[in-house]
């Protein structure tokens, strides 16, 4: 369920209700993880996790099978279904993990105490519990102090935590950048030492983490940390070997995006090597839409950086720029160009001109064609590739206002046929 549809008040009330219902049956139950962290940082949680002493079967029996989902039952996780306004709540049994063999998940779990459950989590700021009934924080890992000090610290041995799940290294970067908390020294050292293991993480998990990282506050700093810790190379499959100045300008551009997303981030990173955007999108197995948008943006940038027009777009042939400025993705392009102007990749005058153009109506940007294929056939043009060739030429002449009426278009086509 998209979090944008969630009512924070309804979500909180439902999360309290889940805890109270578990306690009424004699089980321990507390909020856990990100919702506790966000609350202590005075952020409004949009979703809630509950940790409990109740085993998965007991949770399903208590809330009813029609109102629960057991996809994560093997790891002690049951999803309790709420309303559209409240969203769902994940209820996880206190557990300790068996050995990790794939750098992602344990081969099994053992149900245990709350303290043992906290100690197997990733970072101290995510290892806190909260009793929403009594209003008490339960802290077995020193997370409150690290929240107060503003630091990202792995729980226990950071090398062990990152060895268990390699994606945690990427999560550490995201949390550090988003919360503006530096990485604790031993945590950062472990990331730098184990960065190469990120190549073992599935592309889908990497992409999911990048969507969060590059769409939220601190995305520019996240890129700086990816570069500084050595994660950037395994993350992008070795496709981006760039200079320090490139990474600096790319980080600034990411921060300047008004509507950040992974495709726009990919366009910023691949702006100087159009051939790399397809390779990276395929490496990360991005969706078809994400891949098409990223490729389209990079191709558009190459047009607007062309030596023939880069000095003054207003003087360039409209037929050259119109296919991009009339496209449904033109607002993404304008946002991208504004962000890149921060590092003078585009002039402020040209960017302002583009921003004004994309605000024009569709009718202004994409006027109706003067002639279509059937019109050319009626004029006497033979069927075949010549039809498309003439229509393309005619469209350019129309957009550049060299032919402005249907009559003039017919006359031009007839003249071309005579010349042929």
Protein backbone atom coordinates (compact mmCIF):
# COMPACT_ATOMS: atom_id res chain seq x y z
CA UNK A 1 0.00 0.00 0.00
CA UNK A 2 1.54 3.36 -1.03
CA UNK A 3 2.56 5.38 2.01
CA UNK A 4 1.27 8.54 0.33
CA UNK A 5 -2.27 7.27 0.99
CA UNK A 6 -1.67 6.73 4.69
CA UNK A 7 -3.16 9.01 7.35
CA UNK A 8 -0.47 9.36 10.05
CA UNK A 9 -3.05 9.61 12.84
CA UNK A 10 -4.92 6.52 11.65
CA UNK A 11 -1.64 4.63 11.24
CA UNK A 12 -0.61 5.44 14.81
CA UNK A 13 -3.97 4.51 16.27
CA UNK A 14 -3.97 1.17 14.48
CA UNK A 15 -0.41 0.43 15.64
CA UNK A 16 -1.46 1.12 19.23
CA UNK A 17 -4.50 -1.11 18.77
CA UNK A 18 -2.32 -3.99 17.56
CA UNK A 19 -0.06 -3.69 20.63
CA UNK A 20 -3.00 -3.51 23.03
CA UNK A 21 -4.68 -6.56 21.49
CA UNK A 22 -1.51 -8.63 21.85
CA UNK A 23 -1.04 -7.53 25.45
CA UNK A 24 -4.62 -8.38 26.32
CA UNK A 25 -3.74 -11.98 25.50
CA UNK A 26 -0.71 -11.89 27.80
CA UNK A 27 2.01 -11.32 25.19
CA UNK A 28 4.77 -8.74 25.24
CA UNK A 29 4.38 -6.22 22.44
CA UNK A 30 6.22 -2.98 21.58
CA UNK A 31 6.86 -0.78 18.57
CA UNK A 32 10.21 -1.46 16.93
CA UNK A 33 12.70 0.00 14.50
CA UNK A 34 12.16 2.99 12.24
CA UNK A 35 8.90 4.19 13.74
CA UNK A 36 10.59 4.53 17.15
CA UNK A 37 13.59 6.29 15.63
CA UNK A 38 11.41 8.73 13.69
CA UNK A 39 9.25 9.51 16.71
CA UNK A 40 12.30 10.31 18.83
CA UNK A 41 13.60 12.56 16.04
CA UNK A 42 10.25 14.40 16.01
CA UNK A 43 9.44 12.98 12.60
CA UNK A 44 5.99 11.62 11.90
CA UNK A 45 6.15 7.85 11.25
CA UNK A 46 4.09 6.72 8.27
CA UNK A 47 4.30 3.02 9.01
CA UNK A 48 4.81 0.92 12.13
CA UNK A 49 6.45 -2.37 13.07
CA UNK A 50 5.55 -4.30 16.20
CA UNK A 51 7.84 -6.76 17.98
CA UNK A 52 6.22 -9.35 20.22
CA UNK A 53 6.72 -12.51 22.22
CA UNK A 54 3.74 -14.07 20.41
CA UNK A 55 4.66 -16.69 17.82
CA UNK A 56 3.41 -16.29 14.22
CA UNK A 57 0.61 -18.86 14.54
CA UNK A 58 -0.65 -17.10 17.65
CA UNK A 59 -0.63 -13.74 15.87
CA UNK A 60 -2.66 -15.15 12.99
CA UNK A 61 -5.10 -16.80 15.37
CA UNK A 62 -5.52 -13.58 17.35
CA UNK A 63 -6.12 -11.24 14.39
CA UNK A 64 -7.75 -13.79 12.10
CA UNK A 65 -6.46 -15.33 8.90
CA UNK A 66 -8.61 -13.07 6.74
CA UNK A 67 -6.93 -10.05 8.31
CA UNK A 68 -3.32 -11.26 8.20
CA UNK A 69 -0.71 -12.14 5.59
CA UNK A 70 1.86 -14.83 6.35
CA UNK A 71 4.45 -14.17 3.61
CA UNK A 72 7.23 -13.70 6.19
CA UNK A 73 6.06 -16.35 8.64
CA UNK A 74 9.25 -18.41 8.23
CA UNK A 75 11.15 -15.48 9.74
CA UNK A 76 8.53 -14.78 12.37
CA UNK A 77 6.79 -11.93 10.51
CA UNK A 78 3.04 -11.63 10.08
CA UNK A 79 1.41 -8.63 8.37
CA UNK A 80 -1.75 -7.45 10.09
CA UNK A 81 -4.05 -5.78 7.59
CA UNK A 82 -5.46 -2.38 8.49
CA UNK A 83 -7.69 0.07 6.67
CA UNK A 84 -6.69 2.11 3.60
CA UNK A 85 -6.15 5.07 5.90
CA UNK A 86 -4.04 3.27 8.50
CA UNK A 87 -2.08 0.90 6.32
CA UNK A 88 -0.79 -2.44 7.57
CA UNK A 89 1.39 -3.30 10.55
CA UNK A 90 4.15 -5.90 10.44
CA UNK A 91 4.19 -7.99 13.60
CA UNK A 92 7.48 -9.81 14.16
CA UNK A 93 8.20 -12.35 16.85
CA UNK A 94 11.34 -11.63 18.91
CA UNK A 95 14.01 -13.65 17.17
CA UNK A 96 17.72 -14.34 16.87
CA UNK A 97 19.13 -15.27 13.51
CA UNK A 98 21.00 -18.41 12.53
CA UNK A 99 24.00 -18.24 10.20
CA UNK A 100 23.79 -16.04 7.11
CA UNK A 101 25.08 -17.85 4.02
CA UNK A 102 23.95 -15.67 1.12
CA UNK A 103 24.69 -12.16 2.36
CA UNK A 104 20.99 -11.47 2.65
CA UNK A 105 19.04 -13.58 5.13
CA UNK A 106 19.67 -16.21 7.79
CA UNK A 107 19.13 -19.90 7.10
CA UNK A 108 16.70 -19.91 10.01
CA UNK A 109 15.56 -18.10 13.13
CA UNK A 110 15.09 -18.92 16.79
CA UNK A 111 12.44 -17.15 18.82
CA UNK A 112 13.99 -15.42 21.79
CA UNK A 113 13.84 -12.46 24.20
CA UNK A 114 13.42 -8.78 23.36
CA UNK A 115 17.04 -8.06 24.20
CA UNK A 116 18.37 -10.76 21.88
CA UNK A 117 16.08 -9.46 19.15
CA UNK A 118 17.48 -5.94 19.50
CA UNK A 119 21.07 -7.17 19.32
CA UNK A 120 20.59 -8.84 15.91
CA UNK A 121 19.35 -5.62 14.24
CA UNK A 122 21.46 -3.39 11.97
CA UNK A 123 22.07 0.04 13.55
CA UNK A 124 21.65 1.32 17.08
CA UNK A 125 19.15 4.00 16.01
CA UNK A 126 17.01 1.22 14.48
CA UNK A 127 17.35 -1.13 17.45
CA UNK A 128 15.05 0.75 19.83
CA UNK A 129 11.70 -0.44 21.17
CA UNK A 130 8.87 1.76 22.42
CA UNK A 131 5.92 0.99 24.66
CA UNK A 132 3.13 3.16 23.17
CA UNK A 133 0.83 2.48 26.13
CA UNK A 134 3.24 3.48 28.89
CA UNK A 135 5.23 5.91 26.74
CA UNK A 136 8.56 4.24 27.62
CA UNK A 137 11.58 3.70 25.36
CA UNK A 138 13.27 0.31 25.71
CA UNK A 139 16.93 0.55 24.70
CA UNK A 140 19.29 -2.45 24.76
CA UNK A 141 21.81 -1.08 22.23
CA UNK A 142 22.57 2.54 23.13
CA UNK A 143 20.40 3.88 20.36
CA UNK A 144 19.06 6.83 22.36
CA UNK A 145 22.55 8.16 22.96
CA UNK A 146 23.48 7.79 19.30
CA UNK A 147 20.29 9.59 18.30
CA UNK A 148 21.19 12.37 20.72
CA UNK A 149 24.77 12.53 19.44
CA UNK A 150 23.68 12.16 15.82
CA UNK A 151 25.69 9.18 14.64
CA UNK A 152 25.15 6.01 12.58
CA UNK A 153 26.67 3.05 14.42
CA UNK A 154 26.30 -0.65 13.64
CA UNK A 155 25.10 -2.82 16.51
CA UNK A 156 27.93 -4.98 17.82
CA UNK A 157 30.67 -5.89 15.35
CA UNK A 158 30.05 -3.86 12.14
CA UNK A 159 31.96 -6.37 10.03
CA UNK A 160 29.61 -9.10 11.23
CA UNK A 161 26.51 -6.97 10.63
CA UNK A 162 27.56 -6.16 7.05
CA UNK A 163 28.70 -9.72 6.43
CA UNK A 164 25.24 -10.95 7.39
CA UNK A 165 23.46 -8.63 4.94
CA UNK A 166 25.64 -6.70 2.50
CA UNK A 167 22.83 -4.27 1.68
CA UNK A 168 23.20 -2.82 5.18
CA UNK A 169 26.24 -0.92 3.89
CA UNK A 170 24.01 0.94 1.46
CA UNK A 171 21.43 1.52 4.18
CA UNK A 172 24.12 3.00 6.41
CA UNK A 173 24.92 5.54 3.68
CA UNK A 174 21.24 6.38 3.19
CA UNK A 175 20.59 6.91 6.90
CA UNK A 176 23.77 8.96 7.31
CA UNK A 177 22.85 11.25 4.42
CA UNK A 178 19.14 11.53 5.16
CA UNK A 179 19.52 12.25 8.88
CA UNK A 180 22.77 14.22 8.46
CA UNK A 181 24.46 11.86 10.94
CA UNK A 182 28.10 10.93 10.28
CA UNK A 183 29.12 7.29 10.14
CA UNK A 184 30.80 6.06 13.33
CA UNK A 185 34.48 5.37 12.54
CA UNK A 186 34.43 1.57 13.00
CA UNK A 187 31.21 1.36 11.01
CA UNK A 188 32.74 3.35 8.14
CA UNK A 189 35.97 1.35 8.26
CA UNK A 190 33.99 -1.87 7.89
CA UNK A 191 32.08 -0.49 4.90
CA UNK A 192 35.29 0.52 3.16
CA UNK A 193 36.79 -2.89 3.85
CA UNK A 194 33.77 -4.87 2.69
CA UNK A 195 32.48 -2.56 -0.09
CA UNK A 196 33.32 -5.11 -2.80
CA UNK A 197 30.73 -7.49 -1.33
CA UNK A 198 27.97 -5.18 -2.48
CA UNK A 199 28.42 -6.77 -5.92
CA UNK A 200 26.88 -9.94 -4.44
CA UNK A 201 23.56 -8.22 -3.64
CA UNK A 202 20.71 -8.80 -6.08
CA UNK A 203 20.11 -5.93 -8.54
CA UNK A 204 16.50 -5.61 -7.45
CA UNK A 205 17.49 -4.93 -3.83
CA UNK A 206 20.13 -2.42 -4.92
CA UNK A 207 17.61 -0.58 -7.09
CA UNK A 208 15.03 -0.50 -4.29
CA UNK A 209 17.57 1.07 -1.95
CA UNK A 210 18.66 3.59 -4.59
CA UNK A 211 15.07 4.66 -5.18
CA UNK A 212 14.88 5.65 -1.53
CA UNK A 213 18.36 7.16 -1.43
CA UNK A 214 18.04 9.37 -4.52
CA UNK A 215 14.49 10.57 -3.91
CA UNK A 216 14.96 11.92 -0.38
CA UNK A 217 16.81 14.70 1.38
CA UNK A 218 20.56 14.21 1.57
CA UNK A 219 20.80 12.49 -1.83
CA UNK A 220 23.84 14.56 -2.84
CA UNK A 221 25.63 13.63 0.36
CA UNK A 222 24.63 10.02 -0.22
CA UNK A 223 26.50 10.06 -3.52
CA UNK A 224 29.53 11.62 -1.85
CA UNK A 225 29.48 8.83 0.74
CA UNK A 226 29.10 6.15 -1.92
CA UNK A 227 32.22 7.48 -3.59
CA UNK A 228 34.14 8.01 -0.35
CA UNK A 229 33.46 4.50 0.98
CA UNK A 230 34.16 2.75 -2.32
CA UNK A 231 30.59 1.50 -2.73
CA UNK A 232 29.97 3.36 -5.99
CA UNK A 233 32.01 0.98 -8.16
CA UNK A 234 30.34 -2.35 -7.20
CA UNK A 235 26.98 -0.59 -7.01
CA UNK A 236 27.05 0.48 -10.67
CA UNK A 237 28.91 -2.53 -12.00
CA UNK A 238 32.14 -0.63 -12.63
CA UNK A 239 30.46 1.48 -15.31
CA UNK A 240 31.27 4.89 -13.80
CA UNK A 241 34.95 5.67 -13.44
CA UNK A 242 34.84 9.41 -12.86
CA UNK A 243 36.96 12.21 -11.51
CA UNK A 244 36.52 13.87 -8.15
CA UNK A 245 35.18 17.01 -9.83
CA UNK A 246 32.54 14.97 -11.68
CA UNK A 247 31.28 13.38 -8.47
CA UNK A 248 31.20 16.78 -6.79
CA UNK A 249 29.13 18.38 -9.56
CA UNK A 250 26.85 15.33 -9.77
CA UNK A 251 26.21 15.51 -6.02
CA UNK A 252 25.32 19.19 -6.29
CA UNK A 253 22.98 18.45 -9.19
CA UNK A 254 21.22 15.70 -7.23
CA UNK A 255 20.57 18.11 -4.38
CA UNK A 256 19.18 20.70 -6.80
CA UNK A 257 16.48 18.42 -8.29
CA UNK A 258 12.95 19.61 -7.52
CA UNK A 259 11.29 16.24 -8.15
CA UNK A 260 14.08 13.69 -7.59
CA UNK A 261 13.79 10.13 -8.80
CA UNK A 262 16.08 7.27 -9.77
CA UNK A 263 15.80 7.91 -13.57
CA UNK A 264 16.80 11.55 -13.12
CA UNK A 265 19.69 10.49 -10.91
CA UNK A 266 20.81 8.03 -13.59
CA UNK A 267 20.67 10.80 -16.20
CA UNK A 268 22.88 13.01 -14.03
CA UNK A 269 25.41 10.23 -13.52
CA UNK A 270 25.45 9.18 -17.20
CA UNK A 271 25.24 12.62 -18.77
CA UNK A 272 28.73 12.46 -20.27
CA UNK A 273 28.58 8.81 -21.37
CA UNK A 274 25.21 8.13 -23.05
CA UNK A 275 26.25 4.56 -23.80
CA UNK A 276 26.56 3.79 -20.08
CA UNK A 277 22.97 4.61 -19.15
CA UNK A 278 21.56 1.49 -20.80
CA UNK A 279 24.25 -0.70 -19.27
CA UNK A 280 23.63 0.63 -15.76
CA UNK A 281 19.84 0.46 -16.04
CA UNK A 282 20.14 -3.15 -17.21
CA UNK A 283 22.67 -3.91 -14.47
CA UNK A 284 20.19 -2.68 -11.84
CA UNK A 285 17.24 -4.27 -13.66
CA UNK A 286 15.24 -1.07 -13.52
CA UNK A 287 11.65 -1.09 -14.70
CA UNK A 288 10.93 -0.46 -18.38
CA UNK A 289 9.57 2.97 -17.54
CA UNK A 290 12.61 3.94 -15.49
CA UNK A 291 14.98 2.73 -18.19
CA UNK A 292 13.12 4.51 -21.01
CA UNK A 293 12.96 7.76 -19.07
CA UNK A 294 16.65 7.69 -18.11
CA UNK A 295 17.71 6.95 -21.71
CA UNK A 296 15.38 9.63 -23.10
CA UNK A 297 16.77 12.23 -20.69
CA UNK A 298 20.39 11.42 -21.52
CA UNK A 299 19.63 11.61 -25.26
CA UNK A 300 17.86 14.92 -24.72
CA UNK A 301 20.88 16.30 -22.86
CA UNK A 302 23.13 15.41 -25.78
CA UNK A 303 20.89 17.45 -28.10
CA UNK A 304 20.82 20.47 -25.83
CA UNK A 305 24.59 20.26 -25.41
CA UNK A 306 25.16 20.17 -29.16
CA UNK A 307 27.83 22.62 -30.34
CA UNK A 308 25.43 23.92 -32.99
CA UNK A 309 22.92 25.28 -30.47
CA UNK A 310 24.59 25.44 -27.07
CA UNK A 311 25.25 29.19 -27.27
CA UNK A 312 21.63 30.34 -27.66
CA UNK A 313 18.63 28.01 -27.81
CA UNK A 314 16.33 30.84 -28.87
CA UNK A 315 18.23 31.07 -32.17
CA UNK A 316 18.27 27.31 -32.83
CA UNK A 317 15.89 25.69 -35.35
CA UNK A 318 12.65 24.99 -33.52
CA UNK A 319 12.33 21.72 -35.42
CA UNK A 320 15.47 20.47 -33.65
CA UNK A 321 14.26 21.24 -30.11
CA UNK A 322 10.50 20.76 -30.46
CA UNK A 323 10.47 16.92 -30.29
CA UNK A 324 12.02 17.17 -26.81
CA UNK A 325 10.21 20.23 -25.51
CA UNK A 326 6.79 18.94 -26.62
CA UNK A 327 7.31 15.49 -25.13
CA UNK A 328 5.29 14.28 -22.14
CA UNK A 329 8.56 14.05 -20.16
CA UNK A 330 9.57 17.66 -20.87
CA UNK A 331 9.08 18.76 -17.25
CA UNK A 332 11.57 16.12 -16.10
CA UNK A 333 14.01 17.49 -18.67
CA UNK A 334 13.55 21.04 -17.44
CA UNK A 335 14.09 19.94 -13.83
CA UNK A 336 17.22 18.05 -14.86
CA UNK A 337 18.65 21.02 -16.76
CA UNK A 338 17.98 23.38 -13.85
CA UNK A 339 19.86 21.03 -11.52
CA UNK A 340 22.83 20.73 -13.88
CA UNK A 341 23.01 24.49 -14.28
CA UNK A 342 24.19 24.64 -10.66
CA UNK A 343 27.61 23.49 -11.90
CA UNK A 344 27.38 25.55 -15.13
CA UNK A 345 26.72 22.49 -17.28
CA UNK A 346 24.07 24.69 -18.93
CA UNK A 347 23.88 28.47 -18.99
CA UNK A 348 21.24 30.09 -16.82
CA UNK A 349 19.85 31.91 -19.89
CA UNK A 350 19.30 28.68 -21.82
CA UNK A 351 17.83 26.90 -18.83
CA UNK A 352 15.43 29.78 -18.25
CA UNK A 353 14.40 29.62 -21.91
CA UNK A 354 13.71 25.87 -21.68
CA UNK A 355 11.75 26.30 -18.44
CA UNK A 356 9.54 28.87 -20.15
CA UNK A 357 9.03 26.75 -23.26
CA UNK A 358 7.81 23.65 -21.41
CA UNK A 359 5.08 25.73 -19.76
CA UNK A 360 3.42 26.41 -23.12
CA UNK A 361 0.27 24.48 -24.01
CA UNK A 362 0.35 21.22 -25.94
CA UNK A 363 -1.38 22.95 -28.86
CA UNK A 364 1.38 25.55 -29.04
CA UNK A 365 4.21 23.07 -28.65
CA UNK A 366 2.81 20.39 -30.93
CA UNK A 367 0.53 21.90 -33.62
CA UNK A 368 -1.47 19.59 -35.87
CA UNK A 369 0.34 18.25 -38.91
CA UNK A 370 -0.47 20.06 -42.14
CA UNK A 371 -0.59 16.79 -44.11
CA UNK A 372 -0.74 13.08 -43.33
CA UNK A 373 0.28 9.99 -45.24
CA UNK A 374 -3.11 9.58 -46.93
CA UNK A 375 -2.92 13.17 -48.12
CA UNK A 376 0.36 12.46 -49.87
CA UNK A 377 -1.06 9.37 -51.53
CA UNK A 378 -3.99 11.42 -52.87
CA UNK A 379 -1.57 13.99 -54.24
CA UNK A 380 0.08 11.20 -56.18
CA UNK A 381 3.12 10.31 -54.12
CA UNK A 382 3.98 6.64 -54.53
CA UNK A 383 3.67 4.50 -51.40
CA UNK A 384 6.86 3.49 -49.68
CA UNK A 385 9.68 5.07 -47.64
CA UNK A 386 9.35 8.33 -49.60
CA UNK A 387 6.11 9.05 -47.69
CA UNK A 388 7.85 9.10 -44.33
CA UNK A 389 10.80 11.05 -45.71
CA UNK A 390 8.57 13.80 -47.13
CA UNK A 391 6.42 13.99 -43.98
CA UNK A 392 9.53 14.39 -41.85
CA UNK A 393 10.86 17.19 -44.05
CA UNK A 394 7.47 18.87 -44.15
CA UNK A 395 7.13 18.73 -40.37
CA UNK A 396 10.49 20.44 -39.92
CA UNK A 397 9.52 23.17 -42.38
CA UNK A 398 6.19 23.63 -40.57
CA UNK A 399 7.78 23.88 -37.13
CA UNK A 400 10.35 26.36 -38.43
CA UNK A 401 7.43 28.36 -39.89
CA UNK A 402 8.71 28.09 -43.43
CA UNK A 403 5.45 26.44 -44.48
CA UNK A 404 2.39 27.61 -42.56
CA UNK A 405 -0.70 26.42 -44.45
CA UNK A 406 -2.13 23.25 -45.91
CA UNK A 407 -2.17 24.79 -49.38
CA UNK A 408 1.51 25.69 -49.17
CA UNK A 409 2.27 22.18 -47.93
CA UNK A 410 0.49 20.60 -50.91
CA UNK A 411 2.36 22.90 -53.27
CA UNK A 412 5.67 21.96 -51.67
CA UNK A 413 4.95 18.22 -51.98
CA UNK A 414 3.93 18.59 -55.60
CA UNK A 415 7.14 20.46 -56.31
CA UNK A 416 9.17 17.69 -54.66
CA UNK A 417 7.43 15.12 -56.87
CA UNK A 418 8.26 17.14 -59.99
CA UNK A 419 11.89 17.40 -58.92
CA UNK A 420 12.01 13.66 -58.35
